[in-house]
N, C-alpha and C. Protein backbone atom coordinates (compact mmCIF):
# COMPACT_ATOMS: atom_id res chain seq x y z
N MET A 1 -70.14 35.16 -33.83
CA MET A 1 -70.66 36.14 -34.79
C MET A 1 -69.92 35.95 -36.12
N PRO A 2 -70.65 35.81 -37.23
CA PRO A 2 -69.99 35.62 -38.53
C PRO A 2 -69.19 36.84 -38.92
N SER A 3 -68.09 36.62 -39.63
CA SER A 3 -67.27 37.74 -40.07
C SER A 3 -67.91 38.39 -41.30
N ARG A 4 -67.66 39.68 -41.43
CA ARG A 4 -68.19 40.44 -42.56
C ARG A 4 -67.21 40.37 -43.71
N LYS A 5 -67.74 40.23 -44.90
CA LYS A 5 -66.90 40.14 -46.09
C LYS A 5 -66.60 41.52 -46.68
N PHE A 6 -67.50 42.48 -46.47
CA PHE A 6 -67.36 43.82 -47.04
C PHE A 6 -67.40 44.87 -45.93
N VAL A 7 -66.78 46.04 -46.18
CA VAL A 7 -66.72 47.10 -45.18
C VAL A 7 -67.34 48.38 -45.72
N GLU A 8 -67.74 49.27 -44.81
CA GLU A 8 -68.32 50.54 -45.19
C GLU A 8 -67.38 51.32 -46.08
N GLY A 9 -67.93 51.93 -47.13
CA GLY A 9 -67.14 52.72 -48.06
C GLY A 9 -66.59 51.92 -49.23
N GLU A 10 -66.63 50.60 -49.13
CA GLU A 10 -66.11 49.75 -50.20
C GLU A 10 -67.04 49.80 -51.41
N VAL A 11 -66.46 49.87 -52.62
CA VAL A 11 -67.22 49.87 -53.84
C VAL A 11 -67.19 48.45 -54.42
N VAL A 12 -68.37 47.89 -54.63
CA VAL A 12 -68.54 46.50 -55.07
C VAL A 12 -69.65 46.45 -56.11
N ARG A 13 -70.07 45.26 -56.49
CA ARG A 13 -71.22 45.08 -57.37
C ARG A 13 -72.36 44.46 -56.57
N GLY A 14 -73.54 45.05 -56.69
CA GLY A 14 -74.71 44.52 -56.01
C GLY A 14 -75.77 44.08 -57.02
N ARG A 15 -76.38 42.93 -56.74
CA ARG A 15 -77.41 42.42 -57.65
C ARG A 15 -78.70 43.22 -57.44
N TRP A 16 -79.28 43.66 -58.57
CA TRP A 16 -80.55 44.40 -58.50
C TRP A 16 -81.64 43.38 -58.14
N PRO A 17 -82.46 43.66 -57.13
CA PRO A 17 -83.49 42.70 -56.71
C PRO A 17 -84.42 42.26 -57.85
N GLY A 18 -84.64 40.96 -57.93
CA GLY A 18 -85.51 40.42 -58.96
C GLY A 18 -84.84 40.31 -60.32
N SER A 19 -83.54 40.52 -60.38
CA SER A 19 -82.79 40.51 -61.62
C SER A 19 -81.52 39.68 -61.45
N SER A 20 -80.90 39.36 -62.56
CA SER A 20 -79.61 38.68 -62.50
C SER A 20 -78.48 39.67 -62.78
N LEU A 21 -78.83 40.97 -62.91
CA LEU A 21 -77.84 41.99 -63.25
C LEU A 21 -77.22 42.59 -62.00
N TYR A 22 -75.91 42.84 -62.08
CA TYR A 22 -75.17 43.46 -60.98
C TYR A 22 -74.74 44.87 -61.41
N TYR A 23 -74.80 45.79 -60.44
CA TYR A 23 -74.43 47.18 -60.69
C TYR A 23 -73.47 47.63 -59.60
N GLU A 24 -72.69 48.67 -59.92
CA GLU A 24 -71.74 49.19 -58.96
C GLU A 24 -72.49 49.85 -57.80
N VAL A 25 -72.10 49.49 -56.57
CA VAL A 25 -72.71 50.04 -55.37
C VAL A 25 -71.62 50.37 -54.36
N GLU A 26 -71.97 51.22 -53.41
CA GLU A 26 -71.08 51.51 -52.28
C GLU A 26 -71.72 50.94 -51.03
N ILE A 27 -70.93 50.24 -50.23
CA ILE A 27 -71.42 49.71 -48.95
C ILE A 27 -71.57 50.88 -47.97
N LEU A 28 -72.78 51.09 -47.46
CA LEU A 28 -73.01 52.16 -46.48
C LEU A 28 -72.94 51.65 -45.06
N SER A 29 -73.50 50.45 -44.82
CA SER A 29 -73.49 49.90 -43.46
C SER A 29 -73.82 48.42 -43.49
N HIS A 30 -73.68 47.80 -42.34
CA HIS A 30 -74.00 46.36 -42.19
C HIS A 30 -74.75 46.21 -40.88
N ASP A 31 -75.84 45.48 -40.90
CA ASP A 31 -76.63 45.21 -39.71
C ASP A 31 -76.28 43.81 -39.21
N ASN A 32 -75.63 43.75 -38.04
CA ASN A 32 -75.19 42.45 -37.51
C ASN A 32 -76.36 41.54 -37.19
N LYS A 33 -77.48 42.10 -36.80
CA LYS A 33 -78.63 41.26 -36.41
C LYS A 33 -79.28 40.63 -37.64
N SER A 34 -79.57 41.43 -38.67
CA SER A 34 -80.23 40.90 -39.87
C SER A 34 -79.24 40.33 -40.88
N GLN A 35 -77.95 40.66 -40.71
CA GLN A 35 -76.89 40.26 -41.64
C GLN A 35 -77.11 40.85 -43.04
N LEU A 36 -77.75 42.02 -43.12
CA LEU A 36 -77.97 42.70 -44.40
C LEU A 36 -77.04 43.89 -44.51
N TYR A 37 -76.61 44.17 -45.73
CA TYR A 37 -75.80 45.34 -46.04
C TYR A 37 -76.70 46.41 -46.65
N THR A 38 -76.57 47.64 -46.20
CA THR A 38 -77.23 48.76 -46.86
C THR A 38 -76.24 49.28 -47.88
N VAL A 39 -76.70 49.34 -49.15
CA VAL A 39 -75.84 49.77 -50.25
C VAL A 39 -76.48 50.94 -50.98
N LYS A 40 -75.65 51.69 -51.68
CA LYS A 40 -76.15 52.82 -52.47
C LYS A 40 -75.69 52.66 -53.90
N TYR A 41 -76.66 52.62 -54.82
CA TYR A 41 -76.38 52.53 -56.25
C TYR A 41 -75.97 53.91 -56.76
N LYS A 42 -75.36 53.96 -57.94
CA LYS A 42 -74.88 55.21 -58.51
C LYS A 42 -76.00 56.25 -58.71
N ASP A 43 -77.24 55.77 -58.91
CA ASP A 43 -78.36 56.70 -59.12
C ASP A 43 -78.92 57.21 -57.81
N GLY A 44 -78.33 56.79 -56.69
CA GLY A 44 -78.76 57.26 -55.36
C GLY A 44 -79.71 56.32 -54.64
N THR A 45 -80.17 55.27 -55.30
CA THR A 45 -81.06 54.29 -54.69
C THR A 45 -80.34 53.55 -53.58
N GLU A 46 -80.95 53.48 -52.39
CA GLU A 46 -80.40 52.73 -51.28
C GLU A 46 -81.27 51.52 -51.02
N LEU A 47 -80.64 50.35 -50.91
CA LEU A 47 -81.34 49.09 -50.65
C LEU A 47 -80.56 48.25 -49.67
N GLU A 48 -81.23 47.27 -49.07
CA GLU A 48 -80.56 46.29 -48.21
C GLU A 48 -80.38 45.02 -49.03
N LEU A 49 -79.16 44.50 -49.04
CA LEU A 49 -78.85 43.28 -49.79
C LEU A 49 -78.19 42.26 -48.89
N LYS A 50 -78.46 40.97 -49.19
CA LYS A 50 -77.76 39.89 -48.53
C LYS A 50 -76.33 39.83 -49.07
N GLU A 51 -75.42 39.29 -48.26
CA GLU A 51 -74.04 39.16 -48.69
C GLU A 51 -73.93 38.36 -49.99
N SER A 52 -74.80 37.38 -50.18
CA SER A 52 -74.77 36.54 -51.38
C SER A 52 -75.13 37.32 -52.65
N ASP A 53 -75.74 38.51 -52.49
CA ASP A 53 -76.10 39.36 -53.63
C ASP A 53 -75.07 40.44 -53.90
N ILE A 54 -73.90 40.34 -53.24
CA ILE A 54 -72.83 41.32 -53.41
C ILE A 54 -71.57 40.60 -53.83
N LYS A 55 -70.88 41.15 -54.82
CA LYS A 55 -69.65 40.56 -55.33
C LYS A 55 -68.56 41.63 -55.41
N PRO A 56 -67.30 41.23 -55.17
CA PRO A 56 -66.19 42.18 -55.34
C PRO A 56 -66.08 42.61 -56.81
N LEU A 57 -65.62 43.84 -57.03
CA LEU A 57 -65.46 44.35 -58.40
C LEU A 57 -64.53 43.44 -59.21
N LYS A 58 -63.50 42.91 -58.57
CA LYS A 58 -62.51 42.11 -59.29
C LYS A 58 -63.08 40.80 -59.82
N SER A 59 -64.26 40.39 -59.36
CA SER A 59 -64.85 39.15 -59.83
C SER A 59 -65.57 39.33 -61.18
N PHE A 60 -65.63 40.57 -61.67
CA PHE A 60 -66.28 40.88 -62.94
C PHE A 60 -65.21 41.23 -63.97
N LYS A 61 -65.37 40.67 -65.18
CA LYS A 61 -64.46 40.98 -66.26
C LYS A 61 -64.83 42.31 -66.86
N GLN A 62 -63.82 43.13 -67.16
CA GLN A 62 -64.06 44.43 -67.80
C GLN A 62 -64.41 44.20 -69.27
N ARG A 63 -65.42 44.89 -69.75
CA ARG A 63 -65.79 44.78 -71.17
C ARG A 63 -64.72 45.42 -72.03
N LYS A 64 -64.57 44.91 -73.24
CA LYS A 64 -63.59 45.48 -74.15
C LYS A 64 -63.90 46.91 -74.50
N SER A 65 -65.20 47.26 -74.55
CA SER A 65 -65.57 48.63 -74.90
C SER A 65 -65.26 49.60 -73.77
N GLY A 66 -65.11 49.06 -72.56
CA GLY A 66 -64.81 49.91 -71.42
C GLY A 66 -66.03 50.57 -70.83
N SER A 67 -67.21 50.33 -71.42
CA SER A 67 -68.41 50.94 -70.87
C SER A 67 -68.85 50.20 -69.63
N ILE A 68 -69.50 50.91 -68.73
CA ILE A 68 -69.97 50.31 -67.49
C ILE A 68 -71.46 50.57 -67.40
N SER A 69 -72.21 49.54 -67.03
CA SER A 69 -73.66 49.69 -66.88
C SER A 69 -73.97 50.65 -65.76
N SER A 70 -75.03 51.41 -65.93
CA SER A 70 -75.48 52.28 -64.87
C SER A 70 -76.70 51.66 -64.22
N SER A 71 -77.05 52.12 -63.04
CA SER A 71 -78.20 51.58 -62.32
C SER A 71 -79.46 51.78 -63.11
N PRO A 72 -80.42 50.87 -62.95
CA PRO A 72 -81.70 51.02 -63.66
C PRO A 72 -82.46 52.23 -63.18
C-alpha cells in the first residue's frame, strides 16, 4: 500500500480543478482505495483531489505584499 504524503487536519495548497491556481485547503480525509484526498477550501467547498494536485505550504513563496489568495 502506498504511503500517504498528507494527513487529516494538515493545511496545504490544493489546485483548483481545471486551473493552474493553488489555494489553501485543509485535508479532511484520504481514501485508500481511490487514492484521493478530500479537502476543504476556505470558502467551505469540499472536493476530492489527487496527491499530485496538492502541495505543502512551504513549497510556495510568500508574496511581498503578504496578501493571500482566497478560494474562487
